[in-house]
Amino acid sequence: MNQTFEVTGMTCGHCEKAVTRAILQLDPQAEVKIDRSINKVEVQSQQPRDVLAKAIAEEGYTVAA
C-alpha cells in the first residue's frame, strides 16, 4: 500500500539515507521516495503506518499525524 508522510527535519542527503534505511530495515522490499524540499516521504510497503512513522521518528525526525 502507498503511504505518504510529512517529515520535518531532513536537511541533506544523509537525512534522506537515514530515513530510507530505517524504513528498509522494517521492510526490505519497500519503495521509498523522498522530496525533502516539501517534507514528503512516500512509502510503498505492507507495514502498518504507525510502525513506519515510529521508525522515522526514532531516527530523530518529526512525522506529522
Protein backbone atom coordinates (compact mmCIF):
# COMPACT_ATOMS: atom_id res chain seq x y z
CA MET A 1 0.00 0.00 0.00
CA ASN A 2 1.18 3.53 -0.75
CA GLN A 3 1.58 5.80 2.26
CA THR A 4 2.66 9.43 2.42
CA PHE A 5 4.27 11.05 5.45
CA GLU A 6 5.08 14.67 6.20
CA VAL A 7 8.53 14.51 7.77
CA THR A 8 10.33 17.60 9.03
CA GLY A 9 13.96 17.92 10.00
CA MET A 10 15.51 16.42 6.86
CA THR A 11 18.13 18.87 5.64
CA CYS A 12 20.51 16.85 3.48
CA GLY A 13 21.18 13.65 1.60
CA HIS A 14 22.39 11.97 4.78
CA CYS A 15 18.98 12.64 6.35
CA GLU A 16 17.26 11.04 3.36
CA LYS A 17 19.51 7.98 3.63
CA ALA A 18 18.79 7.65 7.36
CA VAL A 19 15.02 7.72 6.78
CA THR A 20 15.29 5.31 3.86
CA ARG A 21 17.49 2.92 5.85
CA ALA A 22 15.06 2.94 8.80
CA ILE A 23 12.17 2.00 6.51
CA LEU A 24 14.11 -0.67 4.65
CA GLN A 25 15.13 -2.31 7.93
CA LEU A 26 11.43 -2.91 8.58
CA ASP A 27 10.57 -3.87 5.02
CA PRO A 28 13.47 -4.66 2.66
CA GLN A 29 11.00 -4.71 -0.25
CA ALA A 30 9.67 -1.21 0.43
CA GLU A 31 9.97 1.52 -2.18
CA VAL A 32 10.87 4.91 -0.72
CA LYS A 33 10.68 8.28 -2.48
CA ILE A 34 11.71 11.42 -0.63
CA ASP A 35 11.27 15.07 -1.57
CA ARG A 36 12.80 16.94 1.34
CA SER A 37 12.04 20.34 -0.24
CA ILE A 38 8.38 19.75 0.64
CA ASN A 39 8.99 17.39 3.61
CA LYS A 40 7.36 14.47 1.81
CA VAL A 41 8.20 10.79 2.18
CA GLU A 42 6.27 8.30 0.06
CA VAL A 43 6.49 4.64 1.02
CA GLN A 44 5.17 1.63 -0.84
CA SER A 45 5.02 -1.04 1.89
CA GLN A 46 2.72 -3.52 3.59
CA GLN A 47 3.95 -2.39 7.01
CA PRO A 48 1.40 -0.52 9.16
CA ARG A 49 1.57 3.27 9.00
CA ASP A 50 2.26 3.68 12.72
CA VAL A 51 5.19 1.25 12.57
CA LEU A 52 6.77 3.15 9.67
CA ALA A 53 6.18 6.51 11.38
CA LYS A 54 7.82 5.23 14.57
CA ALA A 55 10.89 4.06 12.65
CA ILE A 56 11.25 7.51 11.05
CA ALA A 57 10.77 9.26 14.40
CA GLU A 58 13.40 7.04 16.02
CA GLU A 59 15.90 8.45 13.52
CA GLY A 60 15.21 11.90 15.01
CA TYR A 61 12.72 13.34 12.53
CA THR A 62 9.26 14.69 13.21
CA VAL A 63 6.38 12.89 11.50
CA ALA A 64 3.13 14.86 11.19
CA ALA A 65 -0.01 13.00 12.17
